[in-house]
Structure formats: structure tokens, C-alpha cells
Amino acid sequence: TDEQLDLDDGRWEDVHVVTGALKLFFRELPEPLVPFSHFDKFIAAIKMQDPTRRGRCVRDLVFSLPPAHHDTMRVLFRHLCRVIEHKEENRMSVQSVAIVFGPTLLRPATEEGTMAMHMVFQNQVVEHILHQYGYIFPD
């Protein structure tokens, strides 16, 4: 919307409010940041045993995303990498960020009985992208 927000307003000082809003924004999108059409491809890629093939496949999948998804992912993951740089102060390691954002950014079109199994792989995809940010999004 065209609503103007004053980020200097005291109600935005609580990092949990801002983080919750960001997570809610991505969860409420009609289609997740990783489109439904790419979900199975990312899960198959993260399951690859060979790290070189896995890395290349995930990078290629990210490049194959629609431009708005790709560009948003680049900006979001750059920010999340900065959050992780301060893990000593904020206790947000790569694993913690992946647990928080994995199921939000990457989810199947229909929820099945294997939701718990999907969650492990969703988190691994986010972890992989965070660890390989420079390779996946070269400047």
C-alpha cells in the first residue's frame, strides 16, 4: 500500500516486531519466494550427494527463477547474511535463520503427510544459499 511508515517510531525498536512482519509478508504471499513450480527441483537438488553438482544445480535453479523472485531473493539473502555476521550478539546462526525462513520461503503447493520431512530439506536449501551466497549471487 501507499502507507508511509516512520521507522524511527518507537514501536519498531523491537527487532521481533520487524522480523515478524518480514516473515509474515513472505508467508502471506500467494506464491512463495521459491515458486511452487520450483519446489520439487530445489528439494531434489539439495538431496544430491556430490557437493559440486548440488551447488551448481541450486545456483542454476536460483538463476531460473522469475526476475522478481530472483531479485527479491538476492536482497533478502544479502540481508540475512548480514544478520548472521552478528550471530554472537543476536544468536541467529545460519541454522537458526534457516529454521525461521525455510518453510516460509520454500513450500509445496499442497501440504502432504511428509511436511516434517520437507521441513528438513527446506531448511537445508536456505542454509545452502546462505553459505554459498557469493557463488549464487556474484556481484
N, C-alpha and C. Protein backbone atom coordinates (compact mmCIF):
# COMPACT_ATOMS: atom_id res chain seq x y z
N THR A 1 0.84 -1.19 0.00
CA THR A 1 0.00 0.00 0.00
C THR A 1 0.88 1.24 0.00
N ASP A 2 0.23 2.38 -0.06
CA ASP A 2 0.94 3.66 -0.06
C ASP A 2 1.17 4.18 1.34
N GLU A 3 0.96 3.34 2.34
CA GLU A 3 1.12 3.78 3.72
C GLU A 3 2.58 4.17 3.98
N GLN A 4 2.75 5.35 4.58
CA GLN A 4 4.09 5.82 4.92
C GLN A 4 4.41 5.41 6.36
N LEU A 5 5.52 4.74 6.54
CA LEU A 5 5.92 4.29 7.87
C LEU A 5 7.11 5.10 8.35
N ASP A 6 7.06 5.48 9.61
CA ASP A 6 8.19 6.16 10.22
C ASP A 6 8.96 5.10 11.01
N LEU A 7 10.06 4.63 10.44
CA LEU A 7 10.83 3.57 11.10
C LEU A 7 11.55 4.06 12.34
N ASP A 8 11.55 5.38 12.57
CA ASP A 8 12.12 5.92 13.80
C ASP A 8 11.12 5.88 14.95
N ASP A 9 9.87 5.54 14.64
CA ASP A 9 8.83 5.41 15.66
C ASP A 9 9.23 4.31 16.64
N GLY A 10 9.04 4.53 17.91
CA GLY A 10 9.45 3.60 18.95
C GLY A 10 8.91 2.19 18.83
N ARG A 11 7.77 2.02 18.18
CA ARG A 11 7.19 0.67 18.09
C ARG A 11 8.02 -0.25 17.20
N TRP A 12 8.94 0.31 16.41
CA TRP A 12 9.77 -0.50 15.53
C TRP A 12 11.11 -0.85 16.17
N GLU A 13 11.32 -0.44 17.41
CA GLU A 13 12.59 -0.73 18.08
C GLU A 13 12.73 -2.20 18.44
N ASP A 14 11.63 -2.88 18.66
CA ASP A 14 11.67 -4.30 19.00
C ASP A 14 11.94 -5.10 17.72
N VAL A 15 13.12 -5.70 17.65
CA VAL A 15 13.53 -6.44 16.46
C VAL A 15 12.55 -7.57 16.13
N HIS A 16 11.87 -8.10 17.14
CA HIS A 16 10.93 -9.20 16.91
C HIS A 16 9.71 -8.73 16.11
N VAL A 17 9.33 -7.47 16.30
CA VAL A 17 8.20 -6.92 15.55
C VAL A 17 8.57 -6.83 14.06
N VAL A 18 9.75 -6.30 13.79
CA VAL A 18 10.20 -6.15 12.41
C VAL A 18 10.40 -7.52 11.76
N THR A 19 11.05 -8.42 12.48
CA THR A 19 11.28 -9.77 11.95
C THR A 19 9.96 -10.49 11.70
N GLY A 20 9.04 -10.36 12.65
CA GLY A 20 7.73 -10.99 12.49
C GLY A 20 6.99 -10.45 11.28
N ALA A 21 7.09 -9.14 11.05
CA ALA A 21 6.43 -8.53 9.89
C ALA A 21 7.05 -9.04 8.59
N LEU A 22 8.38 -9.14 8.56
CA LEU A 22 9.06 -9.64 7.36
C LEU A 22 8.64 -11.08 7.07
N LYS A 23 8.67 -11.90 8.10
CA LYS A 23 8.29 -13.30 7.92
C LYS A 23 6.82 -13.42 7.50
N LEU A 24 5.95 -12.63 8.12
CA LEU A 24 4.53 -12.65 7.77
C LEU A 24 4.32 -12.22 6.31
N PHE A 25 5.05 -11.20 5.89
CA PHE A 25 4.94 -10.75 4.49
C PHE A 25 5.21 -11.92 3.54
N PHE A 26 6.32 -12.62 3.76
CA PHE A 26 6.68 -13.72 2.86
C PHE A 26 5.72 -14.90 2.99
N ARG A 27 5.21 -15.16 4.18
CA ARG A 27 4.28 -16.27 4.38
C ARG A 27 2.93 -16.00 3.73
N GLU A 28 2.52 -14.73 3.67
CA GLU A 28 1.21 -14.38 3.14
C GLU A 28 1.19 -14.18 1.62
N LEU A 29 2.35 -14.24 0.98
CA LEU A 29 2.37 -14.12 -0.48
C LEU A 29 1.54 -15.26 -1.09
N PRO A 30 0.81 -14.99 -2.15
CA PRO A 30 0.02 -16.06 -2.78
C PRO A 30 0.89 -17.22 -3.26
N GLU A 31 2.10 -16.89 -3.68
CA GLU A 31 3.06 -17.91 -4.06
C GLU A 31 4.36 -17.57 -3.33
N PRO A 32 5.04 -18.58 -2.78
CA PRO A 32 6.25 -18.28 -2.01
C PRO A 32 7.37 -17.70 -2.88
N LEU A 33 8.40 -17.21 -2.22
CA LEU A 33 9.55 -16.65 -2.94
C LEU A 33 10.11 -17.68 -3.92
N VAL A 34 10.22 -18.92 -3.48
CA VAL A 34 10.56 -20.01 -4.41
C VAL A 34 9.22 -20.53 -4.93
N PRO A 35 8.91 -20.27 -6.20
CA PRO A 35 7.60 -20.64 -6.73
C PRO A 35 7.30 -22.14 -6.56
N PHE A 36 6.02 -22.44 -6.46
CA PHE A 36 5.60 -23.84 -6.31
C PHE A 36 6.22 -24.71 -7.39
N SER A 37 6.33 -24.18 -8.61
CA SER A 37 6.86 -24.96 -9.73
C SER A 37 8.32 -25.35 -9.52
N HIS A 38 9.02 -24.68 -8.62
CA HIS A 38 10.43 -24.96 -8.38
C HIS A 38 10.67 -25.77 -7.11
N PHE A 39 9.64 -25.98 -6.31
CA PHE A 39 9.83 -26.63 -5.02
C PHE A 39 10.51 -27.99 -5.14
N ASP A 40 9.94 -28.88 -5.94
CA ASP A 40 10.50 -30.23 -6.07
C ASP A 40 11.91 -30.21 -6.65
N LYS A 41 12.19 -29.25 -7.53
CA LYS A 41 13.52 -29.15 -8.13
C LYS A 41 14.56 -28.76 -7.08
N PHE A 42 14.22 -27.82 -6.20
CA PHE A 42 15.14 -27.42 -5.14
C PHE A 42 15.36 -28.56 -4.15
N ILE A 43 14.30 -29.28 -3.83
CA ILE A 43 14.42 -30.41 -2.89
C ILE A 43 15.31 -31.49 -3.52
N ALA A 44 15.10 -31.78 -4.79
CA ALA A 44 15.94 -32.78 -5.48
C ALA A 44 17.39 -32.32 -5.51
N ALA A 45 17.62 -31.04 -5.73
CA ALA A 45 18.99 -30.52 -5.80
C ALA A 45 19.69 -30.64 -4.46
N ILE A 46 19.01 -30.31 -3.38
CA ILE A 46 19.65 -30.32 -2.06
C ILE A 46 19.93 -31.75 -1.61
N LYS A 47 19.24 -32.72 -2.17
CA LYS A 47 19.47 -34.13 -1.83
C LYS A 47 20.67 -34.72 -2.57
N MET A 48 21.21 -34.01 -3.54
CA MET A 48 22.34 -34.54 -4.31
C MET A 48 23.54 -34.76 -3.39
N GLN A 49 24.18 -35.91 -3.55
CA GLN A 49 25.31 -36.27 -2.69
C GLN A 49 26.58 -35.50 -3.06
N ASP A 50 26.80 -35.29 -4.33
CA ASP A 50 28.02 -34.62 -4.79
C ASP A 50 27.89 -33.11 -4.54
N PRO A 51 28.72 -32.53 -3.65
CA PRO A 51 28.59 -31.11 -3.31
C PRO A 51 28.76 -30.16 -4.50
N THR A 52 29.61 -30.53 -5.45
CA THR A 52 29.81 -29.67 -6.62
C THR A 52 28.55 -29.63 -7.48
N ARG A 53 28.00 -30.81 -7.74
CA ARG A 53 26.75 -30.88 -8.53
C ARG A 53 25.61 -30.17 -7.80
N ARG A 54 25.51 -30.38 -6.47
CA ARG A 54 24.47 -29.75 -5.67
C ARG A 54 24.58 -28.23 -5.77
N GLY A 55 25.79 -27.71 -5.60
CA GLY A 55 26.00 -26.27 -5.65
C GLY A 55 25.64 -25.67 -6.99
N ARG A 56 26.07 -26.34 -8.05
CA ARG A 56 25.77 -25.86 -9.40
C ARG A 56 24.28 -25.91 -9.68
N CYS A 57 23.64 -26.98 -9.25
CA CYS A 57 22.21 -27.15 -9.50
C CYS A 57 21.39 -26.09 -8.75
N VAL A 58 21.72 -25.85 -7.49
CA VAL A 58 21.00 -24.83 -6.73
C VAL A 58 21.22 -23.46 -7.37
N ARG A 59 22.46 -23.16 -7.75
CA ARG A 59 22.74 -21.88 -8.40
C ARG A 59 21.93 -21.74 -9.69
N ASP A 60 21.90 -22.78 -10.50
CA ASP A 60 21.14 -22.73 -11.75
C ASP A 60 19.65 -22.56 -11.49
N LEU A 61 19.14 -23.22 -10.47
CA LEU A 61 17.73 -23.06 -10.12
C LEU A 61 17.42 -21.64 -9.69
N VAL A 62 18.30 -21.04 -8.90
CA VAL A 62 18.09 -19.65 -8.48
C VAL A 62 18.08 -18.74 -9.71
N PHE A 63 19.01 -18.97 -10.64
CA PHE A 63 19.04 -18.18 -11.87
C PHE A 63 17.78 -18.37 -12.70
N SER A 64 17.13 -19.54 -12.58
CA SER A 64 15.94 -19.82 -13.39
C SER A 64 14.66 -19.21 -12.81
N LEU A 65 14.75 -18.63 -11.62
CA LEU A 65 13.57 -18.03 -11.01
C LEU A 65 13.11 -16.82 -11.82
N PRO A 66 11.81 -16.52 -11.75
CA PRO A 66 11.34 -15.28 -12.41
C PRO A 66 12.13 -14.09 -11.83
N PRO A 67 12.36 -13.05 -12.64
CA PRO A 67 13.19 -11.93 -12.19
C PRO A 67 12.80 -11.33 -10.84
N ALA A 68 11.53 -11.14 -10.59
CA ALA A 68 11.11 -10.55 -9.31
C ALA A 68 11.48 -11.46 -8.14
N HIS A 69 11.34 -12.75 -8.32
CA HIS A 69 11.69 -13.72 -7.27
C HIS A 69 13.20 -13.73 -7.07
N HIS A 70 13.94 -13.79 -8.16
CA HIS A 70 15.40 -13.83 -8.09
C HIS A 70 15.94 -12.58 -7.40
N ASP A 71 15.48 -11.42 -7.83
CA ASP A 71 15.98 -10.16 -7.27
C ASP A 71 15.62 -10.00 -5.80
N THR A 72 14.41 -10.40 -5.45
CA THR A 72 13.99 -10.35 -4.05
C THR A 72 14.82 -11.31 -3.21
N MET A 73 15.07 -12.49 -3.74
CA MET A 73 15.89 -13.46 -3.03
C MET A 73 17.30 -12.91 -2.79
N ARG A 74 17.86 -12.29 -3.81
CA ARG A 74 19.21 -11.73 -3.68
C ARG A 74 19.26 -10.71 -2.54
N VAL A 75 18.31 -9.78 -2.51
CA VAL A 75 18.30 -8.75 -1.48
C VAL A 75 18.03 -9.35 -0.10
N LEU A 76 17.05 -10.25 -0.01
CA LEU A 76 16.72 -10.86 1.28
C LEU A 76 17.89 -11.66 1.83
N PHE A 77 18.50 -12.49 1.00
CA PHE A 77 19.60 -13.32 1.48
C PHE A 77 20.84 -12.49 1.80
N ARG A 78 21.04 -11.39 1.08
CA ARG A 78 22.15 -10.50 1.44
C ARG A 78 21.92 -9.94 2.84
N HIS A 79 20.67 -9.56 3.13
CA HIS A 79 20.34 -9.06 4.47
C HIS A 79 20.51 -10.17 5.51
N LEU A 80 20.04 -11.37 5.21
CA LEU A 80 20.15 -12.47 6.16
C LEU A 80 21.62 -12.81 6.43
N CYS A 81 22.46 -12.70 5.43
CA CYS A 81 23.90 -12.92 5.63
C CYS A 81 24.46 -11.88 6.60
N ARG A 82 23.98 -10.64 6.49
CA ARG A 82 24.43 -9.60 7.44
C ARG A 82 23.94 -9.91 8.84
N VAL A 83 22.73 -10.43 8.96
CA VAL A 83 22.21 -10.82 10.28
C VAL A 83 23.12 -11.89 10.88
N ILE A 84 23.51 -12.87 10.07
CA ILE A 84 24.35 -13.97 10.54
C ILE A 84 25.73 -13.47 10.95
N GLU A 85 26.23 -12.44 10.31
CA GLU A 85 27.53 -11.88 10.68
C GLU A 85 27.55 -11.42 12.14
N HIS A 86 26.37 -11.14 12.70
CA HIS A 86 26.26 -10.67 14.09
C HIS A 86 25.68 -11.74 15.00
N LYS A 87 25.94 -13.00 14.67
CA LYS A 87 25.33 -14.11 15.42
C LYS A 87 25.74 -14.12 16.90
N GLU A 88 26.90 -13.56 17.22
CA GLU A 88 27.33 -13.54 18.62
C GLU A 88 26.41 -12.64 19.45
N GLU A 89 25.90 -11.57 18.85
CA GLU A 89 25.00 -10.66 19.57
C GLU A 89 23.54 -11.07 19.46
N ASN A 90 23.14 -11.57 18.29
CA ASN A 90 21.71 -11.84 18.07
C ASN A 90 21.33 -13.32 18.15
N ARG A 91 22.32 -14.18 18.31
CA ARG A 91 22.11 -15.64 18.41
C ARG A 91 21.40 -16.22 17.18
N MET A 92 21.59 -15.58 16.02
CA MET A 92 20.99 -16.07 14.78
C MET A 92 22.09 -16.63 13.89
N SER A 93 22.33 -17.92 14.04
CA SER A 93 23.30 -18.62 13.21
C SER A 93 22.65 -18.96 11.86
N VAL A 94 23.43 -19.51 10.97
CA VAL A 94 22.89 -19.94 9.68
C VAL A 94 21.74 -20.92 9.92
N GLN A 95 21.94 -21.85 10.84
CA GLN A 95 20.91 -22.86 11.11
C GLN A 95 19.64 -22.21 11.67
N SER A 96 19.81 -21.25 12.56
CA SER A 96 18.64 -20.57 13.14
C SER A 96 17.85 -19.82 12.08
N VAL A 97 18.56 -19.09 11.22
CA VAL A 97 17.89 -18.35 10.15
C VAL A 97 17.17 -19.32 9.21
N ALA A 98 17.81 -20.44 8.90
CA ALA A 98 17.20 -21.44 8.01
C ALA A 98 15.93 -22.02 8.62
N ILE A 99 15.95 -22.28 9.91
CA ILE A 99 14.77 -22.82 10.59
C ILE A 99 13.63 -21.82 10.55
N VAL A 100 13.95 -20.54 10.72
CA VAL A 100 12.92 -19.50 10.73
C VAL A 100 12.36 -19.27 9.33
N PHE A 101 13.23 -19.22 8.32
CA PHE A 101 12.78 -18.82 6.98
C PHE A 101 12.56 -19.97 6.00
N GLY A 102 13.12 -21.15 6.24
CA GLY A 102 12.98 -22.26 5.30
C GLY A 102 11.54 -22.55 4.88
N PRO A 103 10.66 -22.85 5.84
CA PRO A 103 9.29 -23.19 5.47
C PRO A 103 8.48 -22.00 4.93
N THR A 104 8.96 -20.79 5.20
CA THR A 104 8.25 -19.60 4.73
C THR A 104 8.58 -19.29 3.27
N LEU A 105 9.84 -19.48 2.90
CA LEU A 105 10.28 -19.10 1.56
C LEU A 105 10.13 -20.21 0.53
N LEU A 106 10.00 -21.43 1.01
CA LEU A 106 10.03 -22.60 0.14
C LEU A 106 9.00 -23.59 0.67
N ARG A 107 7.88 -23.71 -0.01
CA ARG A 107 6.85 -24.65 0.44
C ARG A 107 6.14 -25.27 -0.75
N PRO A 108 5.63 -26.49 -0.55
CA PRO A 108 4.93 -27.16 -1.66
C PRO A 108 3.56 -26.54 -1.89
N ALA A 109 3.02 -26.75 -3.07
CA ALA A 109 1.70 -26.20 -3.41
C ALA A 109 0.61 -26.80 -2.53
N THR A 110 0.77 -28.08 -2.18
CA THR A 110 -0.21 -28.73 -1.30
C THR A 110 0.54 -29.35 -0.14
N GLU A 111 -0.01 -29.19 1.04
CA GLU A 111 0.60 -29.79 2.23
C GLU A 111 0.28 -31.28 2.25
N GLU A 112 1.30 -32.07 2.38
CA GLU A 112 1.13 -33.51 2.37
C GLU A 112 1.50 -34.07 3.74
N GLY A 113 1.43 -35.36 3.88
CA GLY A 113 1.79 -36.01 5.13
C GLY A 113 3.28 -35.96 5.41
N THR A 114 4.09 -35.58 4.44
CA THR A 114 5.54 -35.56 4.62
C THR A 114 6.04 -34.16 4.98
N MET A 115 5.22 -33.37 5.65
CA MET A 115 5.58 -32.00 5.95
C MET A 115 6.86 -31.92 6.80
N ALA A 116 7.00 -32.79 7.78
CA ALA A 116 8.19 -32.77 8.63
C ALA A 116 9.44 -33.09 7.82
N MET A 117 9.34 -34.02 6.90
CA MET A 117 10.49 -34.36 6.06
C MET A 117 10.83 -33.20 5.13
N HIS A 118 9.80 -32.55 4.57
CA HIS A 118 10.03 -31.39 3.72
C HIS A 118 10.77 -30.30 4.49
N MET A 119 10.39 -30.10 5.75
CA MET A 119 10.97 -29.02 6.53
C MET A 119 12.48 -29.16 6.64
N VAL A 120 12.96 -30.37 6.81
CA VAL A 120 14.40 -30.61 6.89
C VAL A 120 15.07 -30.12 5.60
N PHE A 121 14.51 -30.47 4.47
CA PHE A 121 15.10 -30.10 3.18
C PHE A 121 14.90 -28.61 2.89
N GLN A 122 13.76 -28.05 3.28
CA GLN A 122 13.54 -26.62 3.10
C GLN A 122 14.62 -25.84 3.84
N ASN A 123 14.89 -26.23 5.07
CA ASN A 123 15.92 -25.57 5.87
C ASN A 123 17.29 -25.74 5.23
N GLN A 124 17.56 -26.93 4.70
CA GLN A 124 18.86 -27.18 4.07
C GLN A 124 19.06 -26.32 2.83
N VAL A 125 18.00 -26.09 2.08
CA VAL A 125 18.09 -25.24 0.89
C VAL A 125 18.46 -23.81 1.32
N VAL A 126 17.78 -23.30 2.33
CA VAL A 126 18.07 -21.94 2.80
C VAL A 126 19.49 -21.86 3.35
N GLU A 127 19.89 -22.87 4.13
CA GLU A 127 21.27 -22.91 4.65
C GLU A 127 22.27 -22.90 3.51
N HIS A 128 22.02 -23.71 2.50
CA HIS A 128 22.94 -23.80 1.37
C HIS A 128 23.08 -22.44 0.68
N ILE A 129 21.96 -21.77 0.43
CA ILE A 129 22.00 -20.48 -0.26
C ILE A 129 22.75 -19.46 0.60
N LEU A 130 22.54 -19.50 1.91
CA LEU A 130 23.26 -18.58 2.80
C LEU A 130 24.77 -18.85 2.76
N HIS A 131 25.14 -20.12 2.85
CA HIS A 131 26.57 -20.47 2.83
C HIS A 131 27.22 -20.14 1.49
N GLN A 132 26.46 -20.27 0.40
CA GLN A 132 27.00 -20.10 -0.94
C GLN A 132 26.55 -18.79 -1.59
N TYR A 133 26.16 -17.82 -0.78
CA TYR A 133 25.60 -16.57 -1.32
C TYR A 133 26.50 -15.95 -2.40
N GLY A 134 27.78 -15.83 -2.15
CA GLY A 134 28.71 -15.20 -3.09
C GLY A 134 28.81 -15.95 -4.40
N TYR A 135 28.68 -17.27 -4.36
CA TYR A 135 28.74 -18.10 -5.57
C TYR A 135 27.42 -18.01 -6.34
N ILE A 136 26.31 -17.99 -5.60
CA ILE A 136 25.00 -17.98 -6.24
C ILE A 136 24.65 -16.59 -6.78
N PHE A 137 25.06 -15.56 -6.05
CA PHE A 137 24.77 -14.18 -6.45
C PHE A 137 26.07 -13.40 -6.61
N PRO A 138 26.86 -13.70 -7.64
CA PRO A 138 28.11 -12.95 -7.81
C PRO A 138 27.79 -11.49 -8.15
N ASP A 139 28.59 -10.60 -7.62
CA ASP A 139 28.35 -9.17 -7.89
C ASP A 139 28.88 -8.74 -9.22
